[in-house]
Amino acid sequence: MTIPFIDLQAQRLRLAGKIEAAVQEAVVGGAWVMGPQVRQFEADLAAFGHAKHALGCANGTDALALPLMAWGVGRGDAVFVPSFTFAATAEIVPWFDAEPVFIDVDPKTYNMDPAHLAAAIEATIAEGRLKPRVVIAVDLFGQPADYPAIKAICDKHGLKLISDSAQGFGCTIDGEHPLKWADITTTSFFPAKPLGCYGDGGAVLTNDDELAQLIDSIRVHGKAVAIDLKDRTFEHDPKYLNMRIGLNSRLDTIQAAVLIEKLKVFGQEIEWRNRIAARYNEGLRPHVAAVPDVPAGNISNWAQYTIEHDDRDGLAAHLKEQGVPTAVYYPIPLHLQPAYDIYPRGPQGLPVTERLKDRVISLPMHADLDEATQDRIIAAVASFNA
């Protein structure tokens, strides 16, 4: 029998009744767009993420675009992003006629390499064609990027910092969420994410009061917000006073109802995921080139469990025969993709990223992975004789 790669049905059954009741309440309530469940979830999410403000939006890609719009990023601006990540991180930059500059990653954590970032910023300044504006650090596979180091670089050059926690929401460094260092944290509630809804959804978190208002405006067609109405009288619905160009990017009420219930158990599920990852590391370390490396003090939410193997494709074929599904994140880094190969990359290229693309493979990981199934996966990996 094939093992699920991410068993979303196991979680659904574990939470059976609670989510169905929450959805039914939202349906009966009739406020299906920006209803009371959205406001409750935003408050709960802010509390969980140690943020003053959390604002839901339509998806994790819009969550990345919203702060760029609020900051007026545009033509001639450089936004520094890792190449070893999903396309959404870089995709939103050309939307505004800005350019992504691709950065290499740390060989152990797979997250943005601060040293390469610093060199790329200096090279961009020296060239003079683009103005450095923003860094987007990704919490790849659930592990936090090196925010203390990246924040110091951003402060040196006056750059904004986005924590792209689409995969990593809930990860921490010495108990602190990435927002301690970032200007804004973005996340995705795509169903396969550790905190996923039953459709699409996303959110931004920030401690900046004015930025929160701007994003609230932009996500609803540029509606008027409190900072716009100071010394101005407008007695109608503020969505009919449009102060800036915006989007239609709202979190559905029904999805918020689902997420309220999932967030209640999310902290416990992160603990379960860490226990599962520890068992994986212990069982797999003798049989693979590398198991995940989590620096001391860091907590990953283990969105993916990713190993390295010298014969990655051979291992994948072997595991498929054994009924063990795998995935490769990411077989073609962004700077080598047809849509992105025209954009600049940091000095000396991206050798770590280009090496990893042929070595990484992800194994089944979710909070409900039982020990018997996990032992079967470990045994299947161990039985591969390259």
Protein backbone atom coordinates (compact mmCIF):
# COMPACT_ATOMS: atom_id res chain seq x y z
CA MET A 1 0.00 0.00 0.00
CA THR A 2 1.34 3.43 -0.97
CA ILE A 3 2.06 5.75 1.92
CA PRO A 4 0.60 9.28 1.72
CA PHE A 5 3.23 11.96 1.24
CA ILE A 6 1.19 14.39 3.35
CA ASP A 7 -1.82 12.77 5.01
CA LEU A 8 -4.31 15.64 5.18
CA GLN A 9 -7.18 13.25 5.76
CA ALA A 10 -5.63 11.99 9.00
CA GLN A 11 -5.69 15.49 10.43
CA ARG A 12 -9.23 16.04 9.13
CA LEU A 13 -10.43 12.92 10.91
CA ARG A 14 -8.60 13.88 14.12
CA LEU A 15 -10.36 17.24 14.12
CA ALA A 16 -13.65 15.76 12.91
CA GLY A 17 -16.70 17.58 14.19
CA LYS A 18 -14.90 20.75 15.25
CA ILE A 19 -14.08 22.00 11.77
CA GLU A 20 -17.40 20.89 10.32
CA ALA A 21 -19.24 22.76 13.07
CA ALA A 22 -17.11 25.86 12.54
CA VAL A 23 -17.75 25.80 8.79
CA GLN A 24 -21.47 25.31 9.30
CA GLU A 25 -21.59 28.26 11.71
CA ALA A 26 -19.83 30.43 9.13
CA VAL A 27 -22.22 29.32 6.38
CA VAL A 28 -25.32 29.95 8.49
CA GLY A 29 -23.91 33.28 9.63
CA GLY A 30 -23.97 34.53 6.05
CA ALA A 31 -21.00 36.92 6.29
CA TRP A 32 -19.02 34.96 3.74
CA VAL A 33 -16.46 37.65 2.89
CA MET A 34 -14.47 39.32 5.71
CA GLY A 35 -16.91 37.99 8.28
CA PRO A 36 -16.36 37.81 12.06
CA GLN A 37 -14.36 34.59 11.77
CA VAL A 38 -11.74 36.48 9.74
CA ARG A 39 -11.33 39.06 12.50
CA GLN A 40 -11.13 36.34 15.15
CA PHE A 41 -8.56 34.36 13.19
CA GLU A 42 -6.46 37.46 12.58
CA ALA A 43 -6.41 38.17 16.32
CA ASP A 44 -5.53 34.54 17.12
CA LEU A 45 -2.81 34.47 14.47
CA ALA A 46 -1.25 37.70 15.72
CA ALA A 47 -1.15 36.31 19.25
CA PHE A 48 0.46 33.06 18.08
CA GLY A 49 3.04 34.87 15.94
CA HIS A 50 3.91 37.51 18.58
CA ALA A 51 2.69 40.28 16.27
CA LYS A 52 0.68 43.45 16.81
CA HIS A 53 -1.18 42.93 13.56
CA ALA A 54 -2.16 40.00 11.35
CA LEU A 55 -4.14 40.52 8.16
CA GLY A 56 -5.57 37.71 6.08
CA CYS A 57 -5.40 37.76 2.29
CA ALA A 58 -6.28 35.55 -0.65
CA ASN A 59 -3.06 33.52 -0.83
CA GLY A 60 0.60 33.44 0.09
CA THR A 61 1.68 35.04 -3.18
CA ASP A 62 -0.47 38.11 -2.58
CA ALA A 63 0.94 38.23 0.95
CA LEU A 64 4.38 38.84 -0.58
CA ALA A 65 3.10 41.41 -3.05
CA LEU A 66 1.21 43.52 -0.50
CA PRO A 67 4.26 44.93 1.34
CA LEU A 68 6.07 45.64 -1.94
CA MET A 69 3.06 47.69 -3.00
CA ALA A 70 2.90 49.45 0.36
CA TRP A 71 6.60 50.39 0.12
CA GLY A 72 6.28 51.59 -3.48
CA VAL A 73 8.82 49.14 -4.91
CA GLY A 74 9.12 49.69 -8.64
CA ARG A 75 11.30 50.11 -11.71
CA GLY A 76 15.01 50.34 -10.95
CA ASP A 77 14.67 48.61 -7.57
CA ALA A 78 16.44 45.39 -6.57
CA VAL A 79 14.80 42.78 -4.36
CA PHE A 80 17.17 40.08 -3.09
CA VAL A 81 15.70 36.57 -3.00
CA PRO A 82 17.05 33.02 -2.75
CA SER A 83 16.96 30.98 -5.93
CA PHE A 84 16.41 27.72 -4.05
CA THR A 85 12.72 28.21 -3.34
CA PHE A 86 9.28 28.18 -4.97
CA ALA A 87 8.63 30.64 -7.78
CA ALA A 88 6.23 32.84 -5.81
CA THR A 89 9.08 34.42 -3.83
CA ALA A 90 10.59 35.93 -6.97
CA GLU A 91 7.46 36.06 -9.09
CA ILE A 92 5.97 39.09 -7.38
CA VAL A 93 9.04 41.28 -7.97
CA PRO A 94 8.63 41.74 -11.76
CA TRP A 95 4.94 42.51 -11.18
CA PHE A 96 6.15 45.96 -10.15
CA ASP A 97 8.89 46.31 -12.78
CA ALA A 98 11.53 45.69 -10.12
CA GLU A 99 14.19 43.01 -10.53
CA PRO A 100 14.91 39.98 -8.34
CA VAL A 101 18.60 39.41 -7.54
CA PHE A 102 19.21 35.74 -6.81
CA ILE A 103 21.22 34.72 -3.74
CA ASP A 104 22.88 31.41 -2.91
CA VAL A 105 21.98 29.35 0.16
CA ASP A 106 23.76 27.87 3.13
CA PRO A 107 24.79 24.26 2.36
CA LYS A 108 23.39 22.93 5.63
CA THR A 109 20.19 24.85 6.26
CA TYR A 110 19.33 25.57 2.58
CA ASN A 111 18.34 29.09 3.60
CA MET A 112 19.71 32.39 2.29
CA ASP A 113 23.48 32.72 2.79
CA PRO A 114 24.10 36.04 4.60
CA ALA A 115 27.65 36.34 3.26
CA HIS A 116 26.49 35.95 -0.33
CA LEU A 117 23.66 38.41 0.32
CA ALA A 118 26.10 41.02 1.61
CA ALA A 119 28.34 40.54 -1.42
CA ALA A 120 25.39 40.79 -3.81
CA ILE A 121 24.18 44.04 -2.25
CA GLU A 122 27.66 45.55 -2.50
CA ALA A 123 27.97 44.42 -6.12
CA THR A 124 24.57 45.89 -6.96
CA ILE A 125 25.50 49.21 -5.41
CA ALA A 126 28.83 49.24 -7.26
CA GLU A 127 27.16 48.53 -10.59
CA GLY A 128 24.72 51.38 -10.04
CA ARG A 129 21.97 50.09 -12.33
CA LEU A 130 19.58 49.01 -9.56
CA LYS A 131 18.80 50.45 -6.14
CA PRO A 132 18.70 47.84 -3.33
CA ARG A 133 15.32 48.06 -1.60
CA VAL A 134 14.14 44.79 -0.06
CA VAL A 135 15.42 41.39 1.07
CA ILE A 136 13.02 38.43 1.08
CA ALA A 137 14.40 35.60 3.21
CA VAL A 138 12.61 32.24 2.93
CA ASP A 139 12.10 29.83 5.83
CA LEU A 140 12.70 26.86 3.56
CA PHE A 141 11.22 23.47 4.50
CA GLY A 142 10.09 25.02 7.82
CA GLN A 143 13.40 26.21 9.25
CA PRO A 144 14.01 29.89 10.04
CA ALA A 145 16.58 31.77 7.99
CA ASP A 146 19.53 33.38 9.79
CA TYR A 147 17.56 36.50 10.67
CA PRO A 148 20.01 38.09 13.12
CA ALA A 149 22.72 38.12 10.42
CA ILE A 150 20.35 39.11 7.59
CA LYS A 151 18.78 41.89 9.68
CA ALA A 152 22.22 43.38 10.40
CA ILE A 153 22.95 43.48 6.67
CA CYS A 154 19.58 45.10 5.93
CA ASP A 155 20.13 47.73 8.63
CA LYS A 156 23.58 48.55 7.25
CA HIS A 157 22.10 49.34 3.84
CA GLY A 158 18.68 50.65 4.88
CA LEU A 159 16.74 47.76 3.33
CA LYS A 160 13.34 46.37 4.25
CA LEU A 161 13.22 42.71 5.30
CA ILE A 162 10.41 40.27 4.54
CA SER A 163 10.26 36.88 6.22
CA ASP A 164 8.65 34.55 3.68
CA SER A 165 7.22 31.97 6.07
CA ALA A 166 4.92 30.33 3.55
CA GLN A 167 6.59 27.06 4.52
CA GLY A 168 7.90 28.02 7.92
CA PHE A 169 5.20 29.78 9.91
CA GLY A 170 5.63 28.76 13.54
CA CYS A 171 9.41 28.35 13.32
CA THR A 172 11.48 30.18 15.94
CA ILE A 173 15.01 31.23 16.88
CA ASP A 174 15.61 31.03 20.62
CA GLY A 175 11.86 31.21 21.10
CA GLU A 176 11.42 34.28 18.88
CA HIS A 177 9.45 34.31 15.66
CA PRO A 178 11.10 35.77 12.52
CA LEU A 179 9.04 38.94 12.97
CA LYS A 180 11.38 39.94 15.79
CA TRP A 181 13.86 40.83 13.02
CA ALA A 182 11.70 41.27 9.90
CA ASP A 183 9.56 44.24 8.97
CA ILE A 184 6.85 41.84 7.93
CA THR A 185 6.21 38.10 7.92
CA THR A 186 4.14 36.52 5.18
CA THR A 187 2.61 33.08 5.13
CA SER A 188 0.43 30.75 3.07
CA PHE A 189 -2.46 28.56 4.11
CA PHE A 190 -2.32 26.33 1.03
CA PRO A 191 -3.73 22.96 2.16
CA ALA A 192 -0.36 21.14 2.15
CA LYS A 193 1.26 23.72 4.45
CA PRO A 194 1.65 22.81 8.15
CA LEU A 195 -1.09 25.36 8.91
CA GLY A 196 -3.30 24.88 5.88
CA CYS A 197 -6.93 25.65 5.12
CA TYR A 198 -9.38 23.90 2.78
CA GLY A 199 -8.54 26.07 -0.22
CA ASP A 200 -6.29 29.06 -0.75
CA GLY A 201 -5.38 31.68 1.80
CA GLY A 202 -2.53 33.75 3.17
CA ALA A 203 -1.66 36.39 5.74
CA VAL A 204 0.82 39.09 6.65
CA LEU A 205 2.02 39.87 10.18
CA THR A 206 3.69 43.09 11.27
CA ASN A 207 4.38 45.26 14.30
CA ASP A 208 4.25 48.44 12.20
CA ASP A 209 0.91 50.22 12.76
CA GLU A 210 1.03 52.33 9.61
CA LEU A 211 2.18 49.44 7.41
CA ALA A 212 -0.72 47.35 8.72
CA GLN A 213 -3.17 50.08 7.73
CA LEU A 214 -1.66 50.43 4.27
CA ILE A 215 -1.88 46.68 3.68
CA ASP A 216 -5.45 46.62 4.96
CA SER A 217 -6.22 49.30 2.38
CA ILE A 218 -4.38 47.63 -0.49
CA ARG A 219 -5.97 44.22 0.08
CA VAL A 220 -9.43 45.81 -0.42
CA HIS A 221 -9.04 47.87 -3.60
CA GLY A 222 -7.11 50.69 -1.92
CA LYS A 223 -9.98 51.60 0.43
CA ALA A 224 -9.66 54.49 2.85
CA VAL A 225 -8.29 53.60 6.30
CA ALA A 226 -7.81 55.60 9.48
CA ILE A 227 -4.61 57.34 8.36
CA ASP A 228 -6.45 58.51 5.22
CA LEU A 229 -9.50 59.83 7.04
CA LYS A 230 -7.62 62.10 9.42
CA ASP A 231 -8.93 65.64 8.89
CA ARG A 232 -11.28 64.27 6.22
CA THR A 233 -15.02 63.67 6.38
CA PHE A 234 -16.46 60.69 4.52
CA GLU A 235 -19.72 59.27 5.81
CA HIS A 236 -20.03 56.35 3.40
CA ASP A 237 -18.40 52.91 3.37
CA PRO A 238 -14.62 53.58 3.22
CA LYS A 239 -14.25 51.00 0.45
CA TYR A 240 -15.89 53.59 -1.82
CA LEU A 241 -13.14 56.11 -1.14
CA ASN A 242 -10.10 54.72 -2.93
CA MET A 243 -6.84 56.29 -1.77
CA ARG A 244 -4.38 54.10 -3.65
CA ILE A 245 -4.24 51.34 -6.25
CA GLY A 246 -5.07 48.06 -4.56
CA LEU A 247 -6.00 44.42 -5.01
CA ASN A 248 -8.95 42.20 -4.28
CA SER A 249 -7.17 39.91 -1.84
CA ARG A 250 -9.34 38.85 1.06
CA LEU A 251 -9.35 35.69 3.17
CA ASP A 252 -12.67 33.87 2.88
CA THR A 253 -14.74 33.61 6.06
CA ILE A 254 -15.13 29.84 5.69
CA GLN A 255 -11.37 29.38 5.36
CA ALA A 256 -10.88 31.52 8.47
CA ALA A 257 -13.31 29.27 10.34
CA VAL A 258 -11.22 26.22 9.35
CA LEU A 259 -8.00 27.95 10.38
CA ILE A 260 -9.32 28.99 13.79
CA GLU A 261 -9.70 25.32 14.70
CA LYS A 262 -6.40 24.27 13.13
CA LEU A 263 -4.47 27.02 14.88
CA LYS A 264 -5.70 25.72 18.26
CA VAL A 265 -3.68 22.51 17.77
CA PHE A 266 -0.86 23.95 15.65
CA GLY A 267 1.63 24.32 18.50
CA GLN A 268 1.15 20.70 19.50
CA GLU A 269 1.49 19.58 15.90
CA ILE A 270 4.84 21.37 15.62
CA GLU A 271 6.00 19.37 18.65
CA TRP A 272 4.84 16.14 16.97
CA ARG A 273 6.63 17.07 13.75
CA ASN A 274 9.87 17.67 15.65
CA ARG A 275 9.59 14.27 17.33
CA ILE A 276 9.04 12.63 13.94
CA ALA A 277 12.00 14.50 12.44
CA ALA A 278 14.25 13.40 15.30
CA ARG A 279 13.31 9.74 14.66
CA TYR A 280 14.00 10.21 10.96
CA ASN A 281 17.42 11.71 11.67
CA GLU A 282 18.39 8.87 13.98
CA GLY A 283 17.25 6.14 11.61
CA LEU A 284 18.48 7.64 8.34
CA ARG A 285 21.82 9.24 9.24
CA PRO A 286 23.86 6.06 8.45
CA HIS A 287 22.16 5.57 5.08
CA VAL A 288 22.16 8.99 3.37
CA ALA A 289 24.64 11.72 2.55
CA ALA A 290 23.00 14.25 4.87
CA VAL A 291 20.00 14.58 7.14
CA PRO A 292 18.53 18.01 7.93
CA ASP A 293 20.71 20.30 10.04
CA VAL A 294 18.87 22.55 12.50
CA PRO A 295 21.18 24.96 14.37
CA ALA A 296 21.00 25.01 18.17
CA GLY A 297 18.17 27.22 19.38
CA ASN A 298 16.17 26.91 16.16
CA ILE A 299 12.80 25.18 15.95
CA SER A 300 11.56 24.07 12.53
CA ASN A 301 7.93 23.36 11.75
CA TRP A 302 9.16 20.65 9.32
CA ALA A 303 7.00 21.59 6.37
CA GLN A 304 9.21 19.09 4.54
CA TYR A 305 11.71 16.49 5.68
CA THR A 306 14.53 16.71 3.13
CA ILE A 307 17.67 14.58 2.91
CA GLU A 308 20.60 14.48 0.50
CA HIS A 309 21.70 11.39 -1.38
CA ASP A 310 24.52 10.79 -3.87
CA ASP A 311 22.11 8.88 -6.14
CA ARG A 312 18.95 10.86 -5.56
CA ASP A 313 17.08 9.69 -8.65
CA GLY A 314 18.01 6.07 -8.04
CA LEU A 315 16.74 6.32 -4.47
CA ALA A 316 13.50 7.90 -5.66
CA ALA A 317 12.88 5.05 -8.10
CA HIS A 318 13.65 2.47 -5.41
CA LEU A 319 11.30 4.10 -2.92
CA LYS A 320 8.52 4.29 -5.50
CA GLU A 321 8.79 0.52 -5.94
CA GLN A 322 8.49 0.18 -2.16
CA GLY A 323 5.32 2.30 -2.06
CA VAL A 324 7.09 5.28 -0.51
CA PRO A 325 6.34 8.60 -2.26
CA THR A 326 8.98 11.30 -2.53
CA ALA A 327 9.25 14.82 -3.90
CA VAL A 328 12.11 16.96 -5.17
CA TYR A 329 12.13 20.59 -4.05
CA TYR A 330 13.45 22.12 -6.32
CA PRO A 331 14.77 20.35 -9.44
CA ILE A 332 15.36 23.62 -11.33
CA PRO A 333 16.41 26.62 -9.21
CA LEU A 334 14.76 29.91 -10.10
CA HIS A 335 17.84 31.51 -11.64
CA LEU A 336 17.92 28.66 -14.19
CA GLN A 337 14.20 28.81 -15.02
CA PRO A 338 13.23 30.24 -18.44
CA ALA A 339 11.13 32.97 -16.83
CA TYR A 340 13.92 34.15 -14.51
CA ASP A 341 17.26 33.50 -16.18
CA ILE A 342 17.40 37.11 -17.42
CA TYR A 343 17.68 38.48 -13.89
CA PRO A 344 20.90 39.16 -11.98
CA ARG A 345 22.47 36.83 -9.46
CA GLY A 346 25.02 37.38 -6.74
CA PRO A 347 28.76 37.38 -7.47
CA GLN A 348 30.52 34.08 -8.20
CA GLY A 349 27.21 32.48 -9.13
CA LEU A 350 25.12 30.12 -7.01
CA PRO A 351 27.22 26.94 -6.68
CA VAL A 352 25.51 25.56 -3.55
CA THR A 353 22.06 25.93 -5.07
CA GLU A 354 23.18 24.24 -8.28
CA ARG A 355 24.71 21.35 -6.34
CA LEU A 356 21.67 20.81 -4.14
CA LYS A 357 19.23 20.56 -7.04
CA ASP A 358 20.64 17.12 -7.93
CA ARG A 359 20.94 15.80 -4.37
CA VAL A 360 17.87 16.72 -2.31
CA ILE A 361 14.81 14.52 -1.88
CA SER A 362 11.91 14.89 0.53
CA LEU A 363 10.21 12.04 2.39
CA PRO A 364 6.68 11.80 3.79
CA MET A 365 6.19 14.22 6.68
CA HIS A 366 3.09 15.30 8.56
CA ALA A 367 2.00 15.55 12.18
CA ASP A 368 0.06 12.27 12.08
CA LEU A 369 2.88 10.08 10.72
CA ASP A 370 2.85 7.02 12.99
CA GLU A 371 5.99 5.18 14.05
CA ALA A 372 5.17 1.96 12.18
CA THR A 373 4.80 3.82 8.89
CA GLN A 374 7.90 5.87 9.59
CA ASP A 375 9.90 2.72 10.33
CA ARG A 376 8.75 1.31 6.98
CA ILE A 377 10.04 4.45 5.24
CA ILE A 378 13.37 4.31 7.05
CA ALA A 379 13.77 0.63 6.20
CA ALA A 380 13.03 1.32 2.53
CA VAL A 381 15.72 3.99 2.39
CA ALA A 382 18.19 1.74 4.20
CA SER A 383 17.53 -1.10 1.76
CA PHE A 384 18.68 0.94 -1.23
CA ASN A 385 22.13 -0.18 -2.30
CA ALA A 386 23.40 2.42 -4.74
